[in-house]
Amino acid sequence: MSRQAGRHAALLKLLLCMSLAITGCRGNHELNELHIVHSAAFDVADDGKVFVTAEIARLTPGGQQPKGMQDQTFYLSGKGNSIFEAGRYIRSKSDRTLLWGHTTSILISSQLAKQGLKRHIESIRRLRQFRNSTLVYITEGMASDTLRVKKPMTTITSQVLRGLTEGGDNTALTTKVTLVDIYTGLINQYRDLVIPSIQVVADQDAGQLKLLQAQGLYLFQGDHLAGQMSDEYTKGYMRANNNMIGSFETVACTDGQDSMSFENINNRADIHVMLDNNLKPRTQIEIRTDLNLNSVQCNDIPITPDTIREWESQLNQSIGNEVEHFLRYTQKHKSDVLGIGERLHRKYPKQWAAIKPRWRELYAEMELEVKIHSRIDHTNFIVLQPDSYEGAPGL
């Protein structure tokens, strides 16, 4: 080896040692010294304190199985005056260090959310271990009970919740909300929060089997839970907020007995805000949506250009009703989840100073106009009237 090559090798060894010294810390642990938290539940205890439950993955002792982590979990709980304090009390019951950094889902009880989220979110922030991408949900009753519901396919709740969230793209009944969404919403106050609902339901086919279901959204006024949106209101929110991806709409047949189904393939919402000389706000929401016809259960219905125009008119009406009902619900709870106030702030910055102190009251009384433009792109059906067969070539 040349002298220059030896110097390079010595320098490389020195840099490696320095990097190990810099990155090493007393917080490093072996896998068998850790409890990996996958989900967490936050509740209000009987004495008013915060009750925290951690879902922890069981680890396979070294040398027994090659995969290291089993698809099994257990639970540890603790309570305190804050989430931070409750987490420390959980550590007193654990023979290993709790690793919160792998927490992918948080369940919050509606009771805790009604008291206000801000101080609890700040407590999570101070822990400095939770990922910004951690999914957040609200549930009725005790969140710890929801966390412990037995799952038919997998025992790790976080995996189930993530899968249910991804399914929201097809149903428009839920949406993804992360910790960073809540951080920015509470700090910037551009719009009020919405957080998806997780429900415990009975499987109709399996009798007593309980399942988790992601359906509906909770809306907030500031950091306090204000109400729970139904399926219809949730779909209206998804459309107006440009979150609609692949849901479906139905239109009744003329006999009222059956229906036609349309799949949403594209949706664009434009929100226009206006302010008159008396500082009275007005908002127009214009939605353009493209749909495909997927199912026709009606009897003897010809699919012609006139028929399609009639369907588009019916879709305009039904979609418009969804959005209007959602908007009236938010006005009832004075919850600006679309960020209309921020749009007014940007468009009329000088006038906003006078509007801001009474914005919630103005929002509740504001005129909201909804315009829907539906277009059916593909019917995927060719139906001929019986009379059209006469004189047709080859018939």
Protein backbone atom coordinates (compact mmCIF):
# COMPACT_ATOMS: atom_id res chain seq x y z
CA MET A 1 0.00 0.00 0.00
CA SER A 2 1.38 3.42 -0.89
CA ARG A 3 1.96 6.09 1.70
CA GLN A 4 -0.86 8.23 0.25
CA ALA A 5 -3.29 5.30 0.32
CA GLY A 6 -2.35 4.63 3.95
CA ARG A 7 -3.11 8.22 4.85
CA HIS A 8 -6.49 7.98 3.17
CA ALA A 9 -7.28 4.77 5.08
CA ALA A 10 -6.25 6.35 8.39
CA LEU A 11 -8.38 9.44 7.65
CA LEU A 12 -11.35 7.22 6.79
CA LYS A 13 -11.01 5.35 10.10
CA LEU A 14 -10.83 8.65 11.99
CA LEU A 15 -13.98 9.99 10.29
CA LEU A 16 -15.82 6.75 11.03
CA CYS A 17 -14.91 6.89 14.70
CA MET A 18 -15.96 10.54 14.91
CA SER A 19 -19.33 9.79 13.27
CA LEU A 20 -19.99 6.97 15.72
CA ALA A 21 -19.12 9.24 18.62
CA ILE A 22 -21.42 11.99 17.33
CA THR A 23 -24.43 9.78 16.55
CA GLY A 24 -24.17 7.62 19.64
CA CYS A 25 -26.26 8.55 22.66
CA ARG A 26 -27.37 6.98 25.90
CA GLY A 27 -30.89 6.61 24.44
CA ASN A 28 -29.79 3.82 22.10
CA HIS A 29 -31.37 0.46 22.90
CA GLU A 30 -31.39 -3.04 21.58
CA LEU A 31 -34.67 -4.37 20.23
CA ASN A 32 -35.19 -6.56 23.28
CA GLU A 33 -34.96 -3.45 25.48
CA LEU A 34 -37.86 -1.65 23.79
CA HIS A 35 -41.65 -1.71 23.69
CA ILE A 36 -42.76 -0.40 20.28
CA VAL A 37 -46.02 1.57 20.48
CA HIS A 38 -48.20 1.27 17.36
CA SER A 39 -51.40 3.03 18.47
CA ALA A 40 -52.45 5.25 21.36
CA ALA A 41 -55.83 6.12 22.88
CA PHE A 42 -56.55 9.31 24.85
CA ASP A 43 -59.52 9.43 27.27
CA VAL A 44 -60.88 11.36 30.22
CA ALA A 45 -60.51 9.37 33.46
CA ASP A 46 -63.21 9.30 36.16
CA ASP A 47 -61.31 11.89 38.18
CA GLY A 48 -60.94 14.22 35.19
CA LYS A 49 -57.32 13.38 34.45
CA VAL A 50 -56.01 12.23 31.07
CA PHE A 51 -56.04 8.47 30.59
CA VAL A 52 -53.58 7.16 27.98
CA THR A 53 -53.52 3.62 26.59
CA ALA A 54 -50.67 2.33 24.41
CA GLU A 55 -51.03 -0.58 21.99
CA ILE A 56 -47.67 -2.37 21.99
CA ALA A 57 -46.41 -5.03 19.60
CA ARG A 58 -45.13 -8.24 21.12
CA LEU A 59 -41.55 -9.02 20.20
CA THR A 60 -40.19 -12.47 19.51
CA PRO A 61 -37.10 -13.23 21.64
CA GLY A 62 -33.95 -13.55 19.60
CA GLY A 63 -33.26 -17.00 18.17
CA GLN A 64 -36.86 -18.27 18.38
CA GLN A 65 -38.33 -16.86 15.18
CA PRO A 66 -36.66 -15.01 12.32
CA LYS A 67 -39.30 -12.32 11.83
CA GLY A 68 -38.61 -10.58 15.16
CA MET A 69 -42.05 -8.98 15.60
CA GLN A 70 -45.28 -10.92 15.93
CA ASP A 71 -48.70 -9.84 14.73
CA GLN A 72 -49.87 -9.66 18.35
CA THR A 73 -50.28 -6.79 20.76
CA PHE A 74 -50.84 -6.00 24.42
CA TYR A 75 -51.84 -2.80 26.22
CA LEU A 76 -50.40 -0.58 28.94
CA SER A 77 -52.27 2.37 30.46
CA GLY A 78 -51.60 5.30 32.75
CA LYS A 79 -53.21 8.58 33.77
CA GLY A 80 -51.93 12.00 34.66
CA ASN A 81 -52.63 15.71 34.40
CA SER A 82 -51.35 15.67 30.83
CA ILE A 83 -50.55 13.20 28.07
CA PHE A 84 -46.85 13.68 28.85
CA GLU A 85 -47.37 12.82 32.52
CA ALA A 86 -49.62 9.84 31.74
CA GLY A 87 -46.99 8.51 29.34
CA ARG A 88 -44.38 8.65 32.09
CA TYR A 89 -46.66 6.69 34.43
CA ILE A 90 -47.05 4.04 31.73
CA ARG A 91 -43.26 3.73 31.73
CA SER A 92 -43.37 2.92 35.45
CA LYS A 93 -45.40 -0.21 34.58
CA SER A 94 -43.12 -1.31 31.79
CA ASP A 95 -39.91 -3.29 32.07
CA ARG A 96 -38.70 -1.73 28.83
CA THR A 97 -38.36 1.72 27.31
CA LEU A 98 -41.44 2.82 25.35
CA LEU A 99 -40.73 3.81 21.76
CA TRP A 100 -43.52 6.21 20.73
CA GLY A 101 -41.91 7.14 17.43
CA HIS A 102 -43.60 4.26 15.56
CA THR A 103 -47.11 5.31 16.63
CA THR A 104 -49.10 5.49 13.39
CA SER A 105 -52.62 6.05 14.81
CA ILE A 106 -54.12 8.05 17.67
CA LEU A 107 -57.69 7.59 18.92
CA ILE A 108 -59.21 10.46 20.91
CA SER A 109 -62.49 10.14 22.79
CA SER A 110 -65.20 12.64 21.89
CA GLN A 111 -65.42 13.57 25.57
CA LEU A 112 -61.78 14.66 25.58
CA ALA A 113 -62.23 16.50 22.27
CA LYS A 114 -65.17 18.48 23.67
CA GLN A 115 -62.89 19.82 26.40
CA GLY A 116 -60.47 21.13 23.78
CA LEU A 117 -57.58 19.61 21.87
CA LYS A 118 -55.00 22.37 21.99
CA ARG A 119 -53.31 21.57 25.29
CA HIS A 120 -53.22 17.86 24.49
CA ILE A 121 -51.75 18.45 21.05
CA GLU A 122 -49.14 20.74 22.61
CA SER A 123 -48.31 17.96 25.09
CA ILE A 124 -47.80 15.52 22.21
CA ARG A 125 -45.62 18.10 20.50
CA ARG A 126 -43.44 18.39 23.59
CA LEU A 127 -42.85 14.65 23.61
CA ARG A 128 -41.01 15.18 20.31
CA GLN A 129 -41.36 11.51 19.44
CA PHE A 130 -44.62 11.29 17.50
CA ARG A 131 -44.35 11.48 13.73
CA ASN A 132 -46.09 14.31 11.88
CA SER A 133 -47.69 11.65 9.67
CA THR A 134 -49.45 9.96 12.60
CA LEU A 135 -53.16 9.53 11.76
CA VAL A 136 -55.73 10.99 14.17
CA TYR A 137 -59.32 9.84 14.80
CA ILE A 138 -62.22 10.65 17.13
CA THR A 139 -64.41 7.93 18.63
CA GLU A 140 -67.50 7.83 20.85
CA GLY A 141 -67.22 6.25 24.28
CA MET A 142 -63.83 5.24 25.64
CA ALA A 143 -61.08 5.39 23.03
CA SER A 144 -59.24 2.63 24.91
CA ASP A 145 -62.24 0.31 24.40
CA THR A 146 -62.20 1.03 20.67
CA LEU A 147 -58.48 0.31 20.62
CA ARG A 148 -59.06 -3.09 22.22
CA VAL A 149 -61.76 -4.26 19.77
CA LYS A 150 -60.72 -7.60 18.30
CA LYS A 151 -59.92 -7.40 14.62
CA PRO A 152 -60.80 -10.35 12.33
CA MET A 153 -57.76 -10.19 10.04
CA THR A 154 -55.02 -8.54 12.09
CA THR A 155 -54.52 -7.69 15.74
CA ILE A 156 -52.70 -4.39 15.25
CA THR A 157 -55.25 -1.56 15.30
CA SER A 158 -52.99 0.88 13.48
CA GLN A 159 -52.96 -1.37 10.40
CA VAL A 160 -56.76 -1.57 10.40
CA LEU A 161 -57.17 2.20 10.75
CA ARG A 162 -54.72 2.95 7.97
CA GLY A 163 -56.56 0.56 5.66
CA LEU A 164 -59.92 2.12 6.51
CA THR A 165 -58.55 5.58 5.77
CA GLU A 166 -57.28 4.48 2.38
CA GLY A 167 -60.75 3.11 1.63
CA GLY A 168 -62.16 6.61 2.03
CA ASP A 169 -61.02 7.43 -1.50
CA ASN A 170 -63.75 5.13 -2.84
CA THR A 171 -66.55 6.03 -0.45
CA ALA A 172 -66.05 9.75 0.36
CA LEU A 173 -67.12 8.88 3.91
CA THR A 174 -63.79 9.65 5.56
CA THR A 175 -60.51 11.42 4.90
CA LYS A 176 -56.94 11.35 6.18
CA VAL A 177 -56.01 13.79 8.96
CA THR A 178 -52.52 13.75 10.46
CA LEU A 179 -50.90 15.36 13.48
CA VAL A 180 -49.23 17.96 11.27
CA ASP A 181 -52.65 18.88 9.82
CA ILE A 182 -53.90 19.53 13.34
CA TYR A 183 -50.72 21.40 14.35
CA THR A 184 -50.98 23.77 11.40
CA GLY A 185 -54.75 24.16 11.77
CA LEU A 186 -54.52 25.19 15.42
CA ILE A 187 -51.53 27.49 14.89
CA ASN A 188 -52.50 29.22 11.63
CA GLN A 189 -56.29 29.22 12.21
CA TYR A 190 -56.95 29.28 8.47
CA ARG A 191 -59.94 27.00 8.90
CA ASP A 192 -61.63 24.93 11.57
CA LEU A 193 -60.62 21.30 12.02
CA VAL A 194 -62.31 18.16 10.78
CA ILE A 195 -61.19 14.79 12.17
CA PRO A 196 -62.47 11.40 10.94
CA SER A 197 -64.80 9.29 13.06
CA ILE A 198 -64.11 5.66 14.00
CA GLN A 199 -67.14 3.62 15.02
CA VAL A 200 -67.52 0.16 16.55
CA VAL A 201 -70.23 -1.74 14.67
CA ALA A 202 -71.57 -5.28 14.69
CA ASP A 203 -70.94 -7.42 11.62
CA GLN A 204 -74.38 -8.43 10.29
CA ASP A 205 -73.03 -11.68 8.87
CA ALA A 206 -70.97 -12.72 11.87
CA GLY A 207 -73.42 -11.93 14.64
CA GLN A 208 -71.58 -10.73 17.73
CA LEU A 209 -68.33 -9.94 15.91
CA LYS A 210 -67.38 -6.28 16.36
CA LEU A 211 -65.71 -4.32 13.58
CA LEU A 212 -64.14 -0.90 13.27
CA GLN A 213 -65.69 1.39 10.68
CA ALA A 214 -64.45 4.73 9.36
CA GLN A 215 -67.52 6.75 8.51
CA GLY A 216 -68.30 10.43 9.00
CA LEU A 217 -66.32 13.40 10.25
CA TYR A 218 -66.28 15.44 13.43
CA LEU A 219 -66.09 19.19 12.96
CA PHE A 220 -64.58 21.62 15.43
CA GLN A 221 -65.06 25.22 16.46
CA GLY A 222 -61.55 26.30 17.27
CA ASP A 223 -60.05 23.41 19.23
CA HIS A 224 -63.38 22.22 20.68
CA LEU A 225 -65.49 19.48 19.12
CA ALA A 226 -68.72 21.05 17.82
CA GLY A 227 -70.62 18.25 16.05
CA GLN A 228 -70.53 15.05 14.03
CA MET A 229 -71.29 15.12 10.32
CA SER A 230 -73.50 12.43 8.78
CA ASP A 231 -72.63 10.56 5.57
CA GLU A 232 -74.45 13.16 3.48
CA TYR A 233 -72.72 16.09 5.16
CA THR A 234 -69.36 14.34 4.85
CA LYS A 235 -69.79 13.85 1.10
CA GLY A 236 -70.80 17.49 0.78
CA TYR A 237 -67.64 18.52 2.61
CA MET A 238 -65.45 16.29 0.46
CA ARG A 239 -66.85 17.85 -2.72
CA ALA A 240 -66.66 21.44 -1.55
CA ASN A 241 -63.14 20.93 -0.18
CA ASN A 242 -61.81 19.27 -3.37
CA ASN A 243 -61.23 15.93 -1.62
CA MET A 244 -63.69 13.94 -3.72
CA ILE A 245 -61.94 11.18 -5.67
CA GLY A 246 -63.98 8.06 -6.39
CA SER A 247 -67.37 8.07 -4.70
CA PHE A 248 -70.73 7.26 -6.26
CA GLU A 249 -74.10 8.96 -6.67
CA THR A 250 -77.54 7.45 -7.22
CA VAL A 251 -80.56 8.76 -9.13
CA ALA A 252 -84.01 7.26 -8.74
CA CYS A 253 -85.82 5.72 -11.72
CA THR A 254 -89.09 7.25 -12.88
CA ASP A 255 -91.07 4.53 -11.09
CA GLY A 256 -89.29 5.34 -7.84
CA GLN A 257 -88.61 1.66 -7.16
CA ASP A 258 -85.09 1.28 -8.54
CA SER A 259 -82.13 3.52 -9.20
CA MET A 260 -79.11 4.27 -11.36
CA SER A 261 -75.56 4.48 -10.01
CA PHE A 262 -72.89 6.93 -11.17
CA GLU A 263 -69.20 6.83 -10.26
CA ASN A 264 -67.43 10.11 -9.64
CA ILE A 265 -64.23 10.35 -11.72
CA ASN A 266 -63.38 14.02 -11.39
CA ASN A 267 -64.40 16.89 -9.12
CA ARG A 268 -63.33 20.53 -8.95
CA ALA A 269 -64.68 23.11 -6.51
CA ASP A 270 -64.08 26.85 -6.80
CA ILE A 271 -64.95 29.11 -3.86
CA HIS A 272 -65.59 32.79 -4.60
CA VAL A 273 -65.97 35.27 -1.73
CA MET A 274 -67.45 38.74 -1.94
CA LEU A 275 -67.87 41.64 0.49
CA ASP A 276 -70.32 44.52 -0.02
CA ASN A 277 -69.96 48.10 1.15
CA ASN A 278 -71.64 47.24 4.45
CA LEU A 279 -69.02 44.56 5.15
CA LYS A 280 -71.60 41.84 4.59
CA PRO A 281 -69.92 38.71 3.17
CA ARG A 282 -71.33 36.41 0.51
CA THR A 283 -69.87 33.18 -0.87
CA GLN A 284 -70.47 31.23 -4.07
CA ILE A 285 -69.28 27.63 -4.38
CA GLU A 286 -69.14 26.33 -7.95
CA ILE A 287 -68.56 22.61 -8.44
CA ARG A 288 -67.82 20.82 -11.70
CA THR A 289 -68.04 17.05 -11.56
CA ASP A 290 -67.57 14.29 -14.14
CA LEU A 291 -69.29 10.94 -13.67
CA ASN A 292 -69.63 7.56 -15.36
CA LEU A 293 -72.84 5.56 -15.48
CA ASN A 294 -72.14 2.19 -13.85
CA SER A 295 -75.51 0.61 -13.21
CA VAL A 296 -79.07 0.97 -14.51
CA GLN A 297 -81.82 -0.88 -12.67
CA CYS A 298 -84.65 0.91 -14.45
CA ASN A 299 -86.98 -0.90 -16.85
CA ASP A 300 -87.18 -0.03 -20.57
CA ILE A 301 -85.20 3.20 -20.41
CA PRO A 302 -83.57 4.49 -23.62
CA ILE A 303 -80.11 6.01 -23.22
CA THR A 304 -80.20 9.01 -25.54
CA PRO A 305 -78.66 12.50 -25.39
CA ASP A 306 -81.92 13.82 -23.94
CA THR A 307 -81.92 11.09 -21.30
CA ILE A 308 -78.33 11.89 -20.34
CA ARG A 309 -79.15 15.61 -20.03
CA GLU A 310 -82.05 14.72 -17.74
CA TRP A 311 -79.74 12.58 -15.60
CA GLU A 312 -77.23 15.43 -15.39
CA SER A 313 -80.00 17.74 -14.20
CA GLN A 314 -80.99 15.24 -11.51
CA LEU A 315 -77.36 14.88 -10.44
CA ASN A 316 -77.03 18.67 -10.19
CA GLN A 317 -80.00 18.65 -7.85
CA SER A 318 -78.89 15.76 -5.63
CA ILE A 319 -75.25 16.87 -5.38
CA GLY A 320 -76.34 20.46 -4.73
CA ASN A 321 -78.55 19.26 -1.88
CA GLU A 322 -75.62 17.38 -0.32
CA VAL A 323 -73.38 20.44 -0.40
CA GLU A 324 -76.09 22.83 0.80
CA HIS A 325 -77.04 20.57 3.72
CA PHE A 326 -73.37 20.35 4.72
CA LEU A 327 -72.97 24.13 4.58
CA ARG A 328 -76.09 24.76 6.66
CA TYR A 329 -74.78 22.30 9.24
CA THR A 330 -71.47 24.17 9.51
CA GLN A 331 -73.33 27.48 9.83
CA LYS A 332 -75.45 26.01 12.63
CA HIS A 333 -72.25 25.16 14.53
CA LYS A 334 -70.40 28.32 13.40
CA SER A 335 -67.58 26.15 12.11
CA ASP A 336 -65.66 27.47 9.09
CA VAL A 337 -64.12 24.18 7.90
CA LEU A 338 -63.67 25.43 4.31
CA GLY A 339 -61.54 28.42 5.31
CA ILE A 340 -63.90 31.02 3.86
CA GLY A 341 -62.76 33.57 6.43
CA GLU A 342 -59.15 33.18 5.32
CA ARG A 343 -60.21 33.76 1.71
CA LEU A 344 -61.89 37.00 2.75
CA HIS A 345 -58.77 37.95 4.69
CA ARG A 346 -56.59 37.50 1.60
CA LYS A 347 -58.98 39.30 -0.75
CA TYR A 348 -59.98 42.13 1.61
CA PRO A 349 -57.08 42.48 4.10
CA LYS A 350 -58.05 45.99 5.26
CA GLN A 351 -61.72 45.18 5.83
CA TRP A 352 -60.89 41.90 7.55
CA ALA A 353 -59.69 43.69 10.70
CA ALA A 354 -63.26 44.89 11.28
CA ILE A 355 -64.82 41.53 10.37
CA LYS A 356 -62.56 39.15 12.30
CA PRO A 357 -63.92 39.73 15.87
CA ARG A 358 -67.45 38.76 14.79
CA TRP A 359 -66.59 36.36 12.00
CA ARG A 360 -68.35 33.31 13.48
CA GLU A 361 -71.64 35.21 13.79
CA LEU A 362 -71.25 36.57 10.25
CA TYR A 363 -70.48 33.10 8.93
CA ALA A 364 -73.61 31.67 10.55
CA GLU A 365 -75.77 34.26 8.75
CA MET A 366 -73.84 34.53 5.48
CA GLU A 367 -75.49 33.90 2.12
CA LEU A 368 -74.01 30.77 0.55
CA GLU A 369 -74.79 30.00 -3.08
CA VAL A 370 -74.05 26.58 -4.60
CA LYS A 371 -73.81 25.88 -8.33
CA ILE A 372 -73.31 22.35 -9.66
CA HIS A 373 -72.27 21.42 -13.21
CA SER A 374 -72.49 17.65 -13.70
CA ARG A 375 -71.29 15.88 -16.82
CA ILE A 376 -71.77 12.21 -17.67
CA ASP A 377 -68.77 11.19 -19.75
CA HIS A 378 -69.46 7.50 -20.40
CA THR A 379 -72.62 5.46 -20.12
CA ASN A 380 -70.99 2.11 -20.99
CA PHE A 381 -74.40 1.03 -22.28
CA ILE A 382 -76.05 1.03 -25.72
CA VAL A 383 -79.79 0.53 -25.49
CA LEU A 384 -82.01 0.72 -28.58
CA GLN A 385 -85.73 1.30 -28.60
CA PRO A 386 -87.71 -1.66 -30.04
CA ASP A 387 -88.95 0.51 -32.91
CA SER A 388 -85.37 1.20 -33.96
CA TYR A 389 -84.91 -2.43 -34.91
CA GLU A 390 -87.27 -2.07 -37.91
CA GLY A 391 -85.34 -1.60 -41.12
CA ALA A 392 -81.99 -1.94 -39.41
CA PRO A 393 -79.42 -3.76 -41.61
CA GLY A 394 -79.17 -7.45 -40.85
CA LEU A 395 -82.15 -7.44 -38.45
